[in-house]
């Protein structure tokens, strides 16, 4: 078992957690080290009556949000080419 400390938003969803207390108003909860909480996005968990409940729908929403924030393959390639060009220029003495 391990103690975790977390805050929750106005709907009860975990909004940041840690293994040490950083604020007096954080919830302290003891859970098993193998708990699914550690294997997923903590923001998909809701604190209800002393228990952490996984919200599958919220997890899907969070995954979709993260996908939207990811750059496209073309953007990644463009960034890599620019970084490589900068490194080559630096090696050649020009910047």
C-alpha atoms as a PDB file:
ATOM      1  CA  UNK A   1       0.000   0.000   0.000  1.00  0.00           C
ATOM      2  CA  UNK A   2       1.085   3.533  -0.736  1.00  0.00           C
ATOM      3  CA  UNK A   3      -0.306   6.902   0.281  1.00  0.00           C
ATOM      4  CA  UNK A   4      -1.139   9.418  -2.399  1.00  0.00           C
ATOM      5  CA  UNK A   5      -2.192  13.017  -1.953  1.00  0.00           C
ATOM      6  CA  UNK A   6      -4.345  14.794  -4.495  1.00  0.00           C
ATOM      7  CA  UNK A   7      -6.624  17.679  -5.206  1.00  0.00           C
ATOM      8  CA  UNK A   8      -9.895  17.347  -7.062  1.00  0.00           C
ATOM      9  CA  UNK A   9     -11.783  19.773  -9.260  1.00  0.00           C
ATOM     10  CA  UNK A  10     -15.343  20.943  -8.607  1.00  0.00           C
ATOM     11  CA  UNK A  11     -16.696  17.728 -10.186  1.00  0.00           C
ATOM     12  CA  UNK A  12     -14.512  15.462  -8.044  1.00  0.00           C
ATOM     13  CA  UNK A  13     -11.960  14.512 -10.716  1.00  0.00           C
ATOM     14  CA  UNK A  14      -8.329  14.191  -9.658  1.00  0.00           C
ATOM     15  CA  UNK A  15      -6.480  17.368 -10.545  1.00  0.00           C
ATOM     16  CA  UNK A  16      -2.856  16.531  -9.794  1.00  0.00           C
ATOM     17  CA  UNK A  17      -1.409  14.141  -7.278  1.00  0.00           C
ATOM     18  CA  UNK A  18       1.829  13.278  -5.524  1.00  0.00           C
ATOM     19  CA  UNK A  19       3.400  10.965  -2.996  1.00  0.00           C
ATOM     20  CA  UNK A  20       3.904  13.773  -0.487  1.00  0.00           C
ATOM     21  CA  UNK A  21       1.498  16.370   0.827  1.00  0.00           C
ATOM     22  CA  UNK A  22       2.022  19.804  -0.687  1.00  0.00           C
ATOM     23  CA  UNK A  23      -1.137  21.526   0.547  1.00  0.00           C
ATOM     24  CA  UNK A  24      -3.182  21.148   3.713  1.00  0.00           C
ATOM     25  CA  UNK A  25      -6.460  20.655   1.842  1.00  0.00           C
ATOM     26  CA  UNK A  26      -5.307  17.690  -0.266  1.00  0.00           C
ATOM     27  CA  UNK A  27      -7.053  14.344   0.051  1.00  0.00           C
ATOM     28  CA  UNK A  28      -4.908  11.584   1.531  1.00  0.00           C
ATOM     29  CA  UNK A  29      -5.695   8.106   0.252  1.00  0.00           C
ATOM     30  CA  UNK A  30      -3.970   4.771   0.686  1.00  0.00           C
ATOM     31  CA  UNK A  31      -4.076   2.500  -2.375  1.00  0.00           C
ATOM     32  CA  UNK A  32      -2.324  -0.632  -3.558  1.00  0.00           C
ATOM     33  CA  UNK A  33       0.841  -0.050  -5.603  1.00  0.00           C
ATOM     34  CA  UNK A  34      -0.680  -2.184  -8.374  1.00  0.00           C
ATOM     35  CA  UNK A  35      -3.813  -0.009  -8.574  1.00  0.00           C
ATOM     36  CA  UNK A  36      -4.953   0.897 -12.096  1.00  0.00           C
ATOM     37  CA  UNK A  37      -4.696   4.570 -11.073  1.00  0.00           C
ATOM     38  CA  UNK A  38      -0.957   4.395 -11.752  1.00  0.00           C
ATOM     39  CA  UNK A  39      -1.449   2.943 -15.246  1.00  0.00           C
ATOM     40  CA  UNK A  40      -3.801   5.589 -16.644  1.00  0.00           C
ATOM     41  CA  UNK A  41      -4.387   9.317 -16.839  1.00  0.00           C
ATOM     42  CA  UNK A  42      -5.053  10.422 -13.275  1.00  0.00           C
ATOM     43  CA  UNK A  43      -7.484  13.077 -14.551  1.00  0.00           C
ATOM     44  CA  UNK A  44      -9.881  10.291 -15.595  1.00  0.00           C
ATOM     45  CA  UNK A  45     -10.360   9.275 -11.962  1.00  0.00           C
ATOM     46  CA  UNK A  46     -13.101  10.676  -9.778  1.00  0.00           C
ATOM     47  CA  UNK A  47     -13.018  10.720  -5.985  1.00  0.00           C
ATOM     48  CA  UNK A  48     -16.396   9.487  -4.714  1.00  0.00           C
ATOM     49  CA  UNK A  49     -17.150   8.663  -1.092  1.00  0.00           C
ATOM     50  CA  UNK A  50     -13.572   7.747  -0.243  1.00  0.00           C
ATOM     51  CA  UNK A  51     -12.884   5.780  -3.434  1.00  0.00           C
ATOM     52  CA  UNK A  52     -11.251   6.467  -6.770  1.00  0.00           C
ATOM     53  CA  UNK A  53     -13.605   5.603  -9.629  1.00  0.00           C
ATOM     54  CA  UNK A  54     -12.339   5.354 -13.218  1.00  0.00           C
ATOM     55  CA  UNK A  55     -14.476   7.255 -15.742  1.00  0.00           C
ATOM     56  CA  UNK A  56     -14.066   5.565 -19.135  1.00  0.00           C
ATOM     57  CA  UNK A  57     -15.905   8.339 -21.004  1.00  0.00           C
ATOM     58  CA  UNK A  58     -13.711  11.054 -19.495  1.00  0.00           C
ATOM     59  CA  UNK A  59     -10.633   8.977 -20.339  1.00  0.00           C
ATOM     60  CA  UNK A  60     -11.746   8.838 -23.984  1.00  0.00           C
ATOM     61  CA  UNK A  61     -12.240  12.616 -23.994  1.00  0.00           C
ATOM     62  CA  UNK A  62      -8.762  13.156 -22.538  1.00  0.00           C
ATOM     63  CA  UNK A  63      -7.197  10.845 -25.123  1.00  0.00           C
ATOM     64  CA  UNK A  64      -8.972  12.695 -27.937  1.00  0.00           C
ATOM     65  CA  UNK A  65      -7.773  16.051 -26.551  1.00  0.00           C
ATOM     66  CA  UNK A  66      -4.201  14.782 -26.419  1.00  0.00           C
ATOM     67  CA  UNK A  67      -4.437  13.487 -29.994  1.00  0.00           C
ATOM     68  CA  UNK A  68      -5.575  16.923 -31.177  1.00  0.00           C
ATOM     69  CA  UNK A  69      -2.554  18.544 -29.499  1.00  0.00           C
ATOM     70  CA  UNK A  70      -0.053  16.205 -31.164  1.00  0.00           C
ATOM     71  CA  UNK A  71       1.691  17.557 -34.234  1.00  0.00           C
ATOM     72  CA  UNK A  72       1.076  15.782 -37.524  1.00  0.00           C
ATOM     73  CA  UNK A  73       3.759  13.558 -39.071  1.00  0.00           C
ATOM     74  CA  UNK A  74       4.499  16.319 -41.566  1.00  0.00           C
ATOM     75  CA  UNK A  75       4.985  18.857 -38.763  1.00  0.00           C
ATOM     76  CA  UNK A  76       7.310  16.493 -36.918  1.00  0.00           C
ATOM     77  CA  UNK A  77       9.362  15.946 -40.072  1.00  0.00           C
ATOM     78  CA  UNK A  78       9.577  19.696 -40.744  1.00  0.00           C
ATOM     79  CA  UNK A  79      10.764  20.373 -37.203  1.00  0.00           C
ATOM     80  CA  UNK A  80      13.342  17.580 -37.452  1.00  0.00           C
ATOM     81  CA  UNK A  81      14.671  18.963 -40.748  1.00  0.00           C
ATOM     82  CA  UNK A  82      14.963  22.476 -39.296  1.00  0.00           C
ATOM     83  CA  UNK A  83      16.774  21.183 -36.203  1.00  0.00           C
ATOM     84  CA  UNK A  84      19.140  19.142 -38.366  1.00  0.00           C
ATOM     85  CA  UNK A  85      19.852  22.177 -40.559  1.00  0.00           C
ATOM     86  CA  UNK A  86      20.654  24.247 -37.450  1.00  0.00           C
ATOM     87  CA  UNK A  87      23.061  21.588 -36.186  1.00  0.00           C
ATOM     88  CA  UNK A  88      24.803  21.338 -39.566  1.00  0.00           C
ATOM     89  CA  UNK A  89      25.136  25.129 -39.713  1.00  0.00           C
ATOM     90  CA  UNK A  90      26.598  25.157 -36.206  1.00  0.00           C
ATOM     91  CA  UNK A  91      29.136  22.450 -37.126  1.00  0.00           C
ATOM     92  CA  UNK A  92      30.159  24.402 -40.204  1.00  0.00           C
ATOM     93  CA  UNK A  93      30.769  27.472 -38.076  1.00  0.00           C
ATOM     94  CA  UNK A  94      27.822  29.505 -39.236  1.00  0.00           C
ATOM     95  CA  UNK A  95      24.830  30.298 -37.081  1.00  0.00           C
END
